[in-house]
Amino acid sequence: SYGLILANRQHRRALLRRKVSAVAVLCRRWFLSAAPLWF
């Protein structure tokens, strides 16, 4: 599945700053705040 995703990315084009997913924002905040748990 990951290989299919990589093969469909357009690496010749410049990266476009898109609005970050709300799910990604929440998970990132949760992961960083729970850093002691992961360690």
Full PDB file with SEQRES, HELIX, SHEET, SSBOND, CRYST1, ORIGX, SCALE, CONECT and MASTER records, all heavy atoms in Angstrom:
SEQRES   1 A   39  SER TYR GLY LEU ILE LEU ALA ASN ARG GLN HIS ARG ARG          
SEQRES   2 A   39  ALA LEU LEU ARG ARG LYS VAL SER ALA VAL ALA VAL LEU          
SEQRES   3 A   39  CYS ARG ARG TRP PHE LEU SER ALA ALA PRO LEU TRP PHE          
HELIX    1 AA1 TYR A    2  ALA A    7  1                                   6    
HELIX    2 AA2 ALA A   22  SER A   33  1                                  12    
HELIX    3 AA3 ALA A   35  TRP A   38  1                                   4    
CRYST1    1.000    1.000    1.000  90.00  90.00  90.00 P 1           1          
ORIGX1      1.000000  0.000000  0.000000        0.00000                         
ORIGX2      0.000000  1.000000  0.000000        0.00000                         
ORIGX3      0.000000  0.000000  1.000000        0.00000                         
SCALE1      1.000000  0.000000  0.000000        0.00000                         
SCALE2      0.000000  1.000000  0.000000        0.00000                         
SCALE3      0.000000  0.000000  1.000000        0.00000                         
ATOM      1  N   SER A   1       0.832  -1.207   0.000  1.00  0.00           N  
ATOM      2  CA  SER A   1       0.000   0.000   0.000  1.00  0.00           C  
ATOM      3  C   SER A   1       0.863   1.252   0.000  1.00  0.00           C  
ATOM      4  O   SER A   1       0.595   2.211  -0.743  1.00  0.00           O  
ATOM      5  CB  SER A   1      -0.924   0.001   1.227  1.00  0.00           C  
ATOM      6  OG  SER A   1      -1.756  -1.136   1.246  1.00  0.00           O  
ATOM      7  N   TYR A   2       1.905   1.250   0.825  1.00  0.00           N  
ATOM      8  CA  TYR A   2       2.794   2.410   0.893  1.00  0.00           C  
ATOM      9  C   TYR A   2       3.519   2.618  -0.430  1.00  0.00           C  
ATOM     10  O   TYR A   2       3.705   3.757  -0.881  1.00  0.00           O  
ATOM     11  CB  TYR A   2       3.798   2.214   2.034  1.00  0.00           C  
ATOM     12  CG  TYR A   2       4.688   3.402   2.272  1.00  0.00           C  
ATOM     13  CD1 TYR A   2       4.176   4.696   2.309  1.00  0.00           C  
ATOM     14  CD2 TYR A   2       6.059   3.239   2.492  1.00  0.00           C  
ATOM     15  CE1 TYR A   2       4.994   5.786   2.539  1.00  0.00           C  
ATOM     16  CE2 TYR A   2       6.880   4.325   2.728  1.00  0.00           C  
ATOM     17  CZ  TYR A   2       6.347   5.602   2.741  1.00  0.00           C  
ATOM     18  OH  TYR A   2       7.165   6.683   2.961  1.00  0.00           O  
ATOM     19  N   GLY A   3       3.927   1.525  -1.070  1.00  0.00           N  
ATOM     20  CA  GLY A   3       4.582   1.633  -2.370  1.00  0.00           C  
ATOM     21  C   GLY A   3       3.683   2.279  -3.408  1.00  0.00           C  
ATOM     22  O   GLY A   3       4.137   3.085  -4.230  1.00  0.00           O  
ATOM     23  N   LEU A   4       2.385   1.951  -3.388  1.00  0.00           N  
ATOM     24  CA  LEU A   4       1.440   2.567  -4.322  1.00  0.00           C  
ATOM     25  C   LEU A   4       1.301   4.060  -4.055  1.00  0.00           C  
ATOM     26  O   LEU A   4       1.178   4.864  -4.986  1.00  0.00           O  
ATOM     27  CB  LEU A   4       0.072   1.879  -4.198  1.00  0.00           C  
ATOM     28  CG  LEU A   4       0.001   0.433  -4.693  1.00  0.00           C  
ATOM     29  CD1 LEU A   4      -1.350  -0.173  -4.370  1.00  0.00           C  
ATOM     30  CD2 LEU A   4       0.278   0.356  -6.188  1.00  0.00           C  
ATOM     31  N   ILE A   5       1.338   4.434  -2.782  1.00  0.00           N  
ATOM     32  CA  ILE A   5       1.258   5.859  -2.440  1.00  0.00           C  
ATOM     33  C   ILE A   5       2.498   6.597  -2.932  1.00  0.00           C  
ATOM     34  O   ILE A   5       2.398   7.668  -3.550  1.00  0.00           O  
ATOM     35  CB  ILE A   5       1.099   6.022  -0.913  1.00  0.00           C  
ATOM     36  CG1 ILE A   5      -0.253   5.470  -0.461  1.00  0.00           C  
ATOM     37  CG2 ILE A   5       1.221   7.492  -0.513  1.00  0.00           C  
ATOM     38  CD1 ILE A   5      -0.424   5.421   1.042  1.00  0.00           C  
ATOM     39  N   LEU A   6       3.674   6.030  -2.689  1.00  0.00           N  
ATOM     40  CA  LEU A   6       4.912   6.664  -3.137  1.00  0.00           C  
ATOM     41  C   LEU A   6       4.952   6.823  -4.652  1.00  0.00           C  
ATOM     42  O   LEU A   6       5.398   7.845  -5.181  1.00  0.00           O  
ATOM     43  CB  LEU A   6       6.117   5.849  -2.668  1.00  0.00           C  
ATOM     44  CG  LEU A   6       6.455   5.877  -1.175  1.00  0.00           C  
ATOM     45  CD1 LEU A   6       7.630   4.952  -0.885  1.00  0.00           C  
ATOM     46  CD2 LEU A   6       6.778   7.297  -0.714  1.00  0.00           C  
ATOM     47  N   ALA A   7       4.485   5.792  -5.357  1.00  0.00           N  
ATOM     48  CA  ALA A   7       4.536   5.825  -6.817  1.00  0.00           C  
ATOM     49  C   ALA A   7       3.615   6.875  -7.414  1.00  0.00           C  
ATOM     50  O   ALA A   7       3.792   7.272  -8.570  1.00  0.00           O  
ATOM     51  CB  ALA A   7       4.169   4.438  -7.379  1.00  0.00           C  
ATOM     52  N   ASN A   8       2.639   7.347  -6.644  1.00  0.00           N  
ATOM     53  CA  ASN A   8       1.686   8.319  -7.164  1.00  0.00           C  
ATOM     54  C   ASN A   8       1.959   9.741  -6.680  1.00  0.00           C  
ATOM     55  O   ASN A   8       1.158  10.638  -6.938  1.00  0.00           O  
ATOM     56  CB  ASN A   8       0.262   7.903  -6.776  1.00  0.00           C  
ATOM     57  CG  ASN A   8      -0.300   6.854  -7.712  1.00  0.00           C  
ATOM     58  OD1 ASN A   8      -0.910   7.173  -8.730  1.00  0.00           O  
ATOM     59  ND2 ASN A   8      -0.080   5.584  -7.391  1.00  0.00           N  
ATOM     60  N   ARG A   9       3.074   9.944  -5.989  1.00  0.00           N  
ATOM     61  CA  ARG A   9       3.432  11.299  -5.591  1.00  0.00           C  
ATOM     62  C   ARG A   9       4.175  12.001  -6.719  1.00  0.00           C  
ATOM     63  O   ARG A   9       4.938  11.372  -7.446  1.00  0.00           O  
ATOM     64  CB  ARG A   9       4.284  11.267  -4.318  1.00  0.00           C  
ATOM     65  CG  ARG A   9       3.459  10.914  -3.096  1.00  0.00           C  
ATOM     66  CD  ARG A   9       4.282  10.834  -1.852  1.00  0.00           C  
ATOM     67  NE  ARG A   9       3.426  10.568  -0.693  1.00  0.00           N  
ATOM     68  CZ  ARG A   9       3.878  10.167   0.482  1.00  0.00           C  
ATOM     69  NH1 ARG A   9       5.182   9.985   0.658  1.00  0.00           N  
ATOM     70  NH2 ARG A   9       3.059   9.943   1.471  1.00  0.00           N  
ATOM     71  N   GLN A  10       3.966  13.291  -6.823  1.00  0.00           N  
ATOM     72  CA  GLN A  10       4.532  14.073  -7.919  1.00  0.00           C  
ATOM     73  C   GLN A  10       5.774  14.812  -7.414  1.00  0.00           C  
ATOM     74  O   GLN A  10       5.724  15.971  -7.028  1.00  0.00           O  
ATOM     75  CB  GLN A  10       3.482  15.051  -8.443  1.00  0.00           C  
ATOM     76  CG  GLN A  10       2.221  14.346  -8.928  1.00  0.00           C  
ATOM     77  CD  GLN A  10       1.095  15.312  -9.204  1.00  0.00           C  
ATOM     78  OE1 GLN A  10       1.290  16.513  -9.275  1.00  0.00           O  
ATOM     79  NE2 GLN A  10      -0.106  14.778  -9.375  1.00  0.00           N  
ATOM     80  N   HIS A  11       6.896  14.099  -7.442  1.00  0.00           N  
ATOM     81  CA  HIS A  11       8.108  14.647  -6.836  1.00  0.00           C  
ATOM     82  C   HIS A  11       8.746  15.755  -7.670  1.00  0.00           C  
ATOM     83  O   HIS A  11       9.618  16.476  -7.183  1.00  0.00           O  
ATOM     84  CB  HIS A  11       9.111  13.516  -6.606  1.00  0.00           C  
ATOM     85  CG  HIS A  11       8.632  12.463  -5.653  1.00  0.00           C  
ATOM     86  ND1 HIS A  11       8.494  12.701  -4.308  1.00  0.00           N  
ATOM     87  CD2 HIS A  11       8.225  11.182  -5.850  1.00  0.00           C  
ATOM     88  CE1 HIS A  11       8.054  11.612  -3.708  1.00  0.00           C  
ATOM     89  NE2 HIS A  11       7.886  10.679  -4.621  1.00  0.00           N  
ATOM     90  N   ARG A  12       8.320  15.908  -8.929  1.00  0.00           N  
ATOM     91  CA  ARG A  12       8.891  16.985  -9.758  1.00  0.00           C  
ATOM     92  C   ARG A  12       8.266  18.340  -9.420  1.00  0.00           C  
ATOM     93  O   ARG A  12       8.833  19.373  -9.751  1.00  0.00           O  
ATOM     94  CB  ARG A  12       8.670  16.678 -11.250  1.00  0.00           C  
ATOM     95  CG  ARG A  12       9.507  15.513 -11.759  1.00  0.00           C  
ATOM     96  CD  ARG A  12       9.253  15.290 -13.240  1.00  0.00           C  
ATOM     97  NE  ARG A  12       9.966  14.129 -13.739  1.00  0.00           N  
ATOM     98  CZ  ARG A  12      11.198  14.164 -14.226  1.00  0.00           C  
ATOM     99  NH1 ARG A  12      11.842  15.310 -14.283  1.00  0.00           N  
ATOM    100  NH2 ARG A  12      11.781  13.065 -14.655  1.00  0.00           N  
ATOM    101  N   ARG A  13       7.106  18.302  -8.813  1.00  0.00           N  
ATOM    102  CA  ARG A  13       6.431  19.552  -8.492  1.00  0.00           C  
ATOM    103  C   ARG A  13       6.842  20.036  -7.113  1.00  0.00           C  
ATOM    104  O   ARG A  13       7.173  19.250  -6.222  1.00  0.00           O  
ATOM    105  CB  ARG A  13       4.911  19.353  -8.542  1.00  0.00           C  
ATOM    106  CG  ARG A  13       4.392  19.017  -9.925  1.00  0.00           C  
ATOM    107  CD  ARG A  13       2.906  18.730  -9.913  1.00  0.00           C  
ATOM    108  NE  ARG A  13       2.145  19.896  -9.463  1.00  0.00           N  
ATOM    109  CZ  ARG A  13       0.816  19.891  -9.358  1.00  0.00           C  
ATOM    110  NH1 ARG A  13       0.117  18.804  -9.674  1.00  0.00           N  
ATOM    111  NH2 ARG A  13       0.180  20.969  -8.948  1.00  0.00           N  
ATOM    112  N   ALA A  14       6.800  21.337  -6.941  1.00  0.00           N  
ATOM    113  CA  ALA A  14       7.146  21.911  -5.646  1.00  0.00           C  
ATOM    114  C   ALA A  14       6.108  21.500  -4.602  1.00  0.00           C  
ATOM    115  O   ALA A  14       4.928  21.309  -4.911  1.00  0.00           O  
ATOM    116  CB  ALA A  14       7.195  23.431  -5.751  1.00  0.00           C  
ATOM    117  N   LEU A  15       6.565  21.346  -3.352  1.00  0.00           N  
ATOM    118  CA  LEU A  15       5.641  21.014  -2.284  1.00  0.00           C  
ATOM    119  C   LEU A  15       4.625  22.134  -2.098  1.00  0.00           C  
ATOM    120  O   LEU A  15       4.963  23.314  -2.139  1.00  0.00           O  
ATOM    121  CB  LEU A  15       6.408  20.793  -0.982  1.00  0.00           C  
ATOM    122  CG  LEU A  15       7.375  19.603  -0.951  1.00  0.00           C  
ATOM    123  CD1 LEU A  15       8.026  19.516   0.420  1.00  0.00           C  
ATOM    124  CD2 LEU A  15       6.646  18.315  -1.271  1.00  0.00           C  
ATOM    125  N   LEU A  16       3.381  21.759  -1.899  1.00  0.00           N  
ATOM    126  CA  LEU A  16       2.310  22.723  -1.701  1.00  0.00           C  
ATOM    127  C   LEU A  16       1.866  22.695  -0.245  1.00  0.00           C  
ATOM    128  O   LEU A  16       1.570  21.631   0.291  1.00  0.00           O  
ATOM    129  CB  LEU A  16       1.114  22.387  -2.605  1.00  0.00           C  
ATOM    130  CG  LEU A  16       1.401  22.343  -4.107  1.00  0.00           C  
ATOM    131  CD1 LEU A  16       0.142  21.940  -4.858  1.00  0.00           C  
ATOM    132  CD2 LEU A  16       1.896  23.700  -4.597  1.00  0.00           C  
ATOM    133  N   ARG A  17       1.856  23.842   0.374  1.00  0.00           N  
ATOM    134  CA  ARG A  17       1.422  23.911   1.756  1.00  0.00           C  
ATOM    135  C   ARG A  17      -0.099  23.844   1.812  1.00  0.00           C  
ATOM    136  O   ARG A  17      -0.792  24.770   1.438  1.00  0.00           O  
ATOM    137  CB  ARG A  17       1.909  25.217   2.390  1.00  0.00           C  
ATOM    138  CG  ARG A  17       3.391  25.203   2.714  1.00  0.00           C  
ATOM    139  CD  ARG A  17       3.667  24.300   3.907  1.00  0.00           C  
ATOM    140  NE  ARG A  17       5.090  24.121   4.122  1.00  0.00           N  
ATOM    141  CZ  ARG A  17       5.599  23.301   5.015  1.00  0.00           C  
ATOM    142  NH1 ARG A  17       4.803  22.554   5.741  1.00  0.00           N  
ATOM    143  NH2 ARG A  17       6.906  23.184   5.151  1.00  0.00           N  
ATOM    144  N   ARG A  18      -0.615  22.712   2.252  1.00  0.00           N  
ATOM    145  CA  ARG A  18      -2.060  22.550   2.400  1.00  0.00           C  
ATOM    146  C   ARG A  18      -2.419  22.600   3.883  1.00  0.00           C  
ATOM    147  O   ARG A  18      -1.595  22.312   4.749  1.00  0.00           O  
ATOM    148  CB  ARG A  18      -2.515  21.226   1.798  1.00  0.00           C  
ATOM    149  CG  ARG A  18      -2.322  21.132   0.292  1.00  0.00           C  
ATOM    150  CD  ARG A  18      -3.000  19.866  -0.230  1.00  0.00           C  
ATOM    151  NE  ARG A  18      -2.942  19.802  -1.687  1.00  0.00           N  
ATOM    152  CZ  ARG A  18      -2.036  19.125  -2.370  1.00  0.00           C  
ATOM    153  NH1 ARG A  18      -1.106  18.445  -1.737  1.00  0.00           N  
ATOM    154  NH2 ARG A  18      -2.056  19.110  -3.692  1.00  0.00           N  
ATOM    155  N   LYS A  19      -3.647  22.886   4.149  1.00  0.00           N  
ATOM    156  CA  LYS A  19      -4.117  22.911   5.526  1.00  0.00           C  
ATOM    157  C   LYS A  19      -3.983  21.515   6.122  1.00  0.00           C  
ATOM    158  O   LYS A  19      -4.411  20.527   5.545  1.00  0.00           O  
ATOM    159  CB  LYS A  19      -5.577  23.366   5.569  1.00  0.00           C  
ATOM    160  CG  LYS A  19      -6.125  23.482   6.988  1.00  0.00           C  
ATOM    161  CD  LYS A  19      -7.568  23.948   6.969  1.00  0.00           C  
ATOM    162  CE  LYS A  19      -8.120  24.041   8.397  1.00  0.00           C  
ATOM    163  NZ  LYS A  19      -9.534  24.480   8.414  1.00  0.00           N  
ATOM    164  N   VAL A  20      -3.368  21.450   7.283  1.00  0.00           N  
ATOM    165  CA  VAL A  20      -3.140  20.165   7.936  1.00  0.00           C  
ATOM    166  C   VAL A  20      -4.471  19.592   8.408  1.00  0.00           C  
ATOM    167  O   VAL A  20      -5.356  20.318   8.875  1.00  0.00           O  
ATOM    168  CB  VAL A  20      -2.181  20.329   9.134  1.00  0.00           C  
ATOM    169  CG1 VAL A  20      -1.934  18.992   9.822  1.00  0.00           C  
ATOM    170  CG2 VAL A  20      -0.872  20.936   8.669  1.00  0.00           C  
ATOM    171  N   SER A  21      -4.624  18.266   8.263  1.00  0.00           N  
ATOM    172  CA  SER A  21      -5.839  17.600   8.702  1.00  0.00           C  
ATOM    173  C   SER A  21      -6.044  17.796  10.197  1.00  0.00           C  
ATOM    174  O   SER A  21      -5.092  17.784  10.984  1.00  0.00           O  
ATOM    175  CB  SER A  21      -5.756  16.104   8.382  1.00  0.00           C  
ATOM    176  OG  SER A  21      -6.761  15.389   9.050  1.00  0.00           O  
ATOM    177  N   ALA A  22      -7.309  17.963  10.587  1.00  0.00           N  
ATOM    178  CA  ALA A  22      -7.621  18.115  12.010  1.00  0.00           C  
ATOM    179  C   ALA A  22      -7.209  16.871  12.786  1.00  0.00           C  
ATOM    180  O   ALA A  22      -6.781  16.956  13.942  1.00  0.00           O  
ATOM    181  CB  ALA A  22      -9.104  18.390  12.191  1.00  0.00           C  
ATOM    182  N   VAL A  23      -7.335  15.707  12.142  1.00  0.00           N  
ATOM    183  CA  VAL A  23      -6.916  14.456  12.781  1.00  0.00           C  
ATOM    184  C   VAL A  23      -5.415  14.474  13.040  1.00  0.00           C  
ATOM    185  O   VAL A  23      -4.949  14.089  14.117  1.00  0.00           O  
ATOM    186  CB  VAL A  23      -7.297  13.248  11.904  1.00  0.00           C  
ATOM    187  CG1 VAL A  23      -6.742  11.953  12.491  1.00  0.00           C  
ATOM    188  CG2 VAL A  23      -8.797  13.154  11.739  1.00  0.00           C  
ATOM    189  N   ALA A  24      -4.650  14.936  12.046  1.00  0.00           N  
ATOM    190  CA  ALA A  24      -3.196  14.986  12.193  1.00  0.00           C  
ATOM    191  C   ALA A  24      -2.792  15.954  13.292  1.00  0.00           C  
ATOM    192  O   ALA A  24      -1.875  15.681  14.076  1.00  0.00           O  
ATOM    193  CB  ALA A  24      -2.560  15.394  10.863  1.00  0.00           C  
ATOM    194  N   VAL A  25      -3.467  17.111  13.382  1.00  0.00           N  
ATOM    195  CA  VAL A  25      -3.165  18.095  14.422  1.00  0.00           C  
ATOM    196  C   VAL A  25      -3.412  17.499  15.801  1.00  0.00           C  
ATOM    197  O   VAL A  25      -2.590  17.621  16.720  1.00  0.00           O  
ATOM    198  CB  VAL A  25      -4.012  19.364  14.225  1.00  0.00           C  
ATOM    199  CG1 VAL A  25      -3.841  20.306  15.408  1.00  0.00           C  
ATOM    200  CG2 VAL A  25      -3.621  20.059  12.930  1.00  0.00           C  
ATOM    201  N   LEU A  26      -4.560  16.829  15.937  1.00  0.00           N  
ATOM    202  CA  LEU A  26      -4.910  16.234  17.228  1.00  0.00           C  
ATOM    203  C   LEU A  26      -3.916  15.147  17.626  1.00  0.00           C  
ATOM    204  O   LEU A  26      -3.448  15.099  18.772  1.00  0.00           O  
ATOM    205  CB  LEU A  26      -6.324  15.657  17.151  1.00  0.00           C  
ATOM    206  CG  LEU A  26      -6.848  14.969  18.415  1.00  0.00           C  
ATOM    207  CD1 LEU A  26      -6.947  15.970  19.561  1.00  0.00           C  
ATOM    208  CD2 LEU A  26      -8.211  14.328  18.149  1.00  0.00           C  
ATOM    209  N   CYS A  27      -3.574  14.267  16.672  1.00  0.00           N  
ATOM    210  CA  CYS A  27      -2.652  13.165  16.969  1.00  0.00           C  
ATOM    211  C   CYS A  27      -1.250  13.686  17.295  1.00  0.00           C  
ATOM    212  O   CYS A  27      -0.580  13.161  18.183  1.00  0.00           O  
ATOM    213  CB  CYS A  27      -2.596  12.192  15.793  1.00  0.00           C  
ATOM    214  SG  CYS A  27      -4.110  11.236  15.568  1.00  0.00           S  
ATOM    215  N   ARG A  28      -0.816  14.704  16.555  1.00  0.00           N  
ATOM    216  CA  ARG A  28       0.505  15.283  16.815  1.00  0.00           C  
ATOM    217  C   ARG A  28       0.545  15.865  18.211  1.00  0.00           C  
ATOM    218  O   ARG A  28       1.509  15.643  18.972  1.00  0.00           O  
ATOM    219  CB  ARG A  28       0.799  16.363  15.782  1.00  0.00           C  
ATOM    220  CG  ARG A  28       2.081  17.146  16.026  1.00  0.00           C  
ATOM    221  CD  ARG A  28       2.303  18.168  14.914  1.00  0.00           C  
ATOM    222  NE  ARG A  28       3.388  19.085  15.236  1.00  0.00           N  
ATOM    223  CZ  ARG A  28       3.234  20.185  15.951  1.00  0.00           C  
ATOM    224  NH1 ARG A  28       2.038  20.505  16.409  1.00  0.00           N  
ATOM    225  NH2 ARG A  28       4.259  20.976  16.203  1.00  0.00           N  
ATOM    226  N   ARG A  29      -0.479  16.626  18.586  1.00  0.00           N  
ATOM    227  CA  ARG A  29      -0.517  17.234  19.919  1.00  0.00           C  
ATOM    228  C   ARG A  29      -0.550  16.154  21.003  1.00  0.00           C  
ATOM    229  O   ARG A  29       0.143  16.246  22.023  1.00  0.00           O  
ATOM    230  CB  ARG A  29      -1.743  18.135  20.023  1.00  0.00           C  
ATOM    231  CG  ARG A  29      -1.820  18.924  21.332  1.00  0.00           C  
ATOM    232  CD  ARG A  29      -3.094  19.726  21.405  1.00  0.00           C  
ATOM    233  NE  ARG A  29      -3.230  20.612  20.261  1.00  0.00           N  
ATOM    234  CZ  ARG A  29      -4.325  20.703  19.521  1.00  0.00           C  
ATOM    235  NH1 ARG A  29      -5.375  19.939  19.797  1.00  0.00           N  
ATOM    236  NH2 ARG A  29      -4.387  21.549  18.516  1.00  0.00           N  
ATOM    237  N   TRP A  30      -1.321  15.109  20.745  1.00  0.00           N  
ATOM    238  CA  TRP A  30      -1.446  14.022  21.720  1.00  0.00           C  
ATOM    239  C   TRP A  30      -0.131  13.269  21.863  1.00  0.00           C  
ATOM    240  O   TRP A  30       0.296  12.946  22.972  1.00  0.00           O  
ATOM    241  CB  TRP A  30      -2.568  13.076  21.273  1.00  0.00           C  
ATOM    242  CG  TRP A  30      -2.767  11.904  22.183  1.00  0.00           C  
ATOM    243  CD1 TRP A  30      -3.099  11.933  23.509  1.00  0.00           C  
ATOM    244  CD2 TRP A  30      -2.644  10.531  21.828  1.00  0.00           C  
ATOM    245  NE1 TRP A  30      -3.196  10.659  24.002  1.00  0.00           N  
ATOM    246  CE2 TRP A  30      -2.922   9.772  22.995  1.00  0.00           C  
ATOM    247  CE3 TRP A  30      -2.346   9.856  20.649  1.00  0.00           C  
ATOM    248  CZ2 TRP A  30      -2.893   8.378  23.004  1.00  0.00           C  
ATOM    249  CZ3 TRP A  30      -2.322   8.471  20.667  1.00  0.00           C  
ATOM    250  CH2 TRP A  30      -2.585   7.751  21.820  1.00  0.00           C  
ATOM    251  N   PHE A  31       0.531  13.009  20.740  1.00  0.00           N  
ATOM    252  CA  PHE A  31       1.796  12.272  20.784  1.00  0.00           C  
ATOM    253  C   PHE A  31       2.854  13.055  21.549  1.00  0.00           C  
ATOM    254  O   PHE A  31       3.565  12.501  22.386  1.00  0.00           O  
ATOM    255  CB  PHE A  31       2.282  11.985  19.365  1.00  0.00           C  
ATOM    256  CG  PHE A  31       3.559  11.181  19.311  1.00  0.00           C  
ATOM    257  CD1 PHE A  31       3.518   9.798  19.256  1.00  0.00           C  
ATOM    258  CD2 PHE A  31       4.797  11.809  19.321  1.00  0.00           C  
ATOM    259  CE1 PHE A  31       4.692   9.058  19.230  1.00  0.00           C  
ATOM    260  CE2 PHE A  31       5.976  11.086  19.286  1.00  0.00           C  
ATOM    261  CZ  PHE A  31       5.916   9.699  19.247  1.00  0.00           C  
ATOM    262  N   LEU A  32       2.959  14.355  21.261  1.00  0.00           N  
ATOM    263  CA  LEU A  32       3.985  15.160  21.923  1.00  0.00           C  
ATOM    264  C   LEU A  32       3.707  15.314  23.415  1.00  0.00           C  
ATOM    265  O   LEU A  32       4.640  15.262  24.236  1.00  0.00           O  
ATOM    266  CB  LEU A  32       4.076  16.536  21.257  1.00  0.00           C  
ATOM    267  CG  LEU A  32       4.625  16.542  19.823  1.00  0.00           C  
ATOM    268  CD1 LEU A  32       4.532  17.930  19.215  1.00  0.00           C  
ATOM    269  CD2 LEU A  32       6.065  16.037  19.788  1.00  0.00           C  
ATOM    270  N   SER A  33       2.444  15.483  23.773  1.00  0.00           N  
ATOM    271  CA  SER A  33       2.120  15.634  25.196  1.00  0.00           C  
ATOM    272  C   SER A  33       2.302  14.334  25.963  1.00  0.00           C  
ATOM    273  O   SER A  33       2.544  14.350  27.177  1.00  0.00           O  
ATOM    274  CB  SER A  33       0.678  16.133  25.355  1.00  0.00           C  
ATOM    275  OG  SER A  33      -0.233  15.179  24.825  1.00  0.00           O  
ATOM    276  N   ALA A  34       2.198  13.212  25.247  1.00  0.00           N  
ATOM    277  CA  ALA A  34       2.343  11.901  25.894  1.00  0.00           C  
ATOM    278  C   ALA A  34       3.745  11.327  25.713  1.00  0.00           C  
ATOM    279  O   ALA A  34       3.940  10.116  25.852  1.00  0.00           O  
ATOM    280  CB  ALA A  34       1.304  10.928  25.332  1.00  0.00           C  
ATOM    281  N   ALA A  35       4.715  12.166  25.394  1.00  0.00           N  
ATOM    282  CA  ALA A  35       6.084  11.694  25.147  1.00  0.00           C  
ATOM    283  C   ALA A  35       6.637  10.837  26.287  1.00  0.00           C  
ATOM    284  O   ALA A  35       7.269   9.801  26.030  1.00  0.00           O  
ATOM    285  CB  ALA A  35       6.999  12.888  24.875  1.00  0.00           C  
ATOM    286  N   PRO A  36       6.411  11.198  27.569  1.00  0.00           N  
ATOM    287  CA  PRO A  36       6.919  10.333  28.643  1.00  0.00           C  
ATOM    288  C   PRO A  36       6.358   8.913  28.567  1.00  0.00           C  
ATOM    289  O   PRO A  36       7.058   7.948  28.901  1.00  0.00           O  
ATOM    290  CB  PRO A  36       6.455  11.048  29.921  1.00  0.00           C  
ATOM    291  CG  PRO A  36       6.326  12.485  29.520  1.00  0.00           C  
ATOM    292  CD  PRO A  36       5.827  12.449  28.109  1.00  0.00           C  
ATOM    293  N   LEU A  37       5.095   8.804  28.136  1.00  0.00           N  
ATOM    294  CA  LEU A  37       4.492   7.477  28.006  1.00  0.00           C  
ATOM    295  C   LEU A  37       5.212   6.650  26.953  1.00  0.00           C  
ATOM    296  O   LEU A  37       5.509   5.465  27.168  1.00  0.00           O  
ATOM    297  CB  LEU A  37       3.012   7.620  27.640  1.00  0.00           C  
ATOM    298  CG  LEU A  37       2.284   6.313  27.277  1.00  0.00           C  
ATOM    299  CD1 LEU A  37       2.262   5.356  28.467  1.00  0.00           C  
ATOM    300  CD2 LEU A  37       0.865   6.617  26.797  1.00  0.00           C  
ATOM    301  N   TRP A  38       5.535   7.260  25.796  1.00  0.00           N  
ATOM    302  CA  TRP A  38       6.176   6.511  24.716  1.00  0.00           C  
ATOM    303  C   TRP A  38       7.584   6.083  25.104  1.00  0.00           C  
ATOM    304  O   TRP A  38       7.998   4.965  24.806  1.00  0.00           O  
ATOM    305  CB  TRP A  38       6.215   7.365  23.440  1.00  0.00           C  
ATOM    306  CG  TRP A  38       4.892   7.922  23.059  1.00  0.00           C  
ATOM    307  CD1 TRP A  38       4.580   9.228  22.814  1.00  0.00           C  
ATOM    308  CD2 TRP A  38       3.667   7.191  22.912  1.00  0.00           C  
ATOM    309  NE1 TRP A  38       3.246   9.362  22.528  1.00  0.00           N  
ATOM    310  CE2 TRP A  38       2.659   8.127  22.575  1.00  0.00           C  
ATOM    311  CE3 TRP A  38       3.310   5.859  23.045  1.00  0.00           C  
ATOM    312  CZ2 TRP A  38       1.344   7.762  22.358  1.00  0.00           C  
ATOM    313  CZ3 TRP A  38       1.994   5.482  22.837  1.00  0.00           C  
ATOM    314  CH2 TRP A  38       1.022   6.432  22.494  1.00  0.00           C  
ATOM    315  N   PHE A  39       8.290   6.957  25.809  1.00  0.00           N  
ATOM    316  CA  PHE A  39       9.631   6.568  26.252  1.00  0.00           C  
ATOM    317  C   PHE A  39       9.544   5.509  27.354  1.00  0.00           C  
ATOM    318  O   PHE A  39      10.410   4.640  27.461  1.00  0.00           O  
ATOM    319  CB  PHE A  39      10.417   7.793  26.726  1.00  0.00           C  
ATOM    320  CG  PHE A  39      10.992   8.595  25.603  1.00  0.00           C  
ATOM    321  CD1 PHE A  39      10.328   9.703  25.093  1.00  0.00           C  
ATOM    322  CD2 PHE A  39      12.200   8.234  25.021  1.00  0.00           C  
ATOM    323  CE1 PHE A  39      10.847  10.449  24.049  1.00  0.00           C  
ATOM    324  CE2 PHE A  39      12.736   8.965  23.964  1.00  0.00           C  
ATOM    325  CZ  PHE A  39      12.055  10.072  23.473  1.00  0.00           C  
TER     326      PHE A  39                                                      
MASTER        0    0    0    3    0    0    0    6  325    1    0    3          
END                                                                             
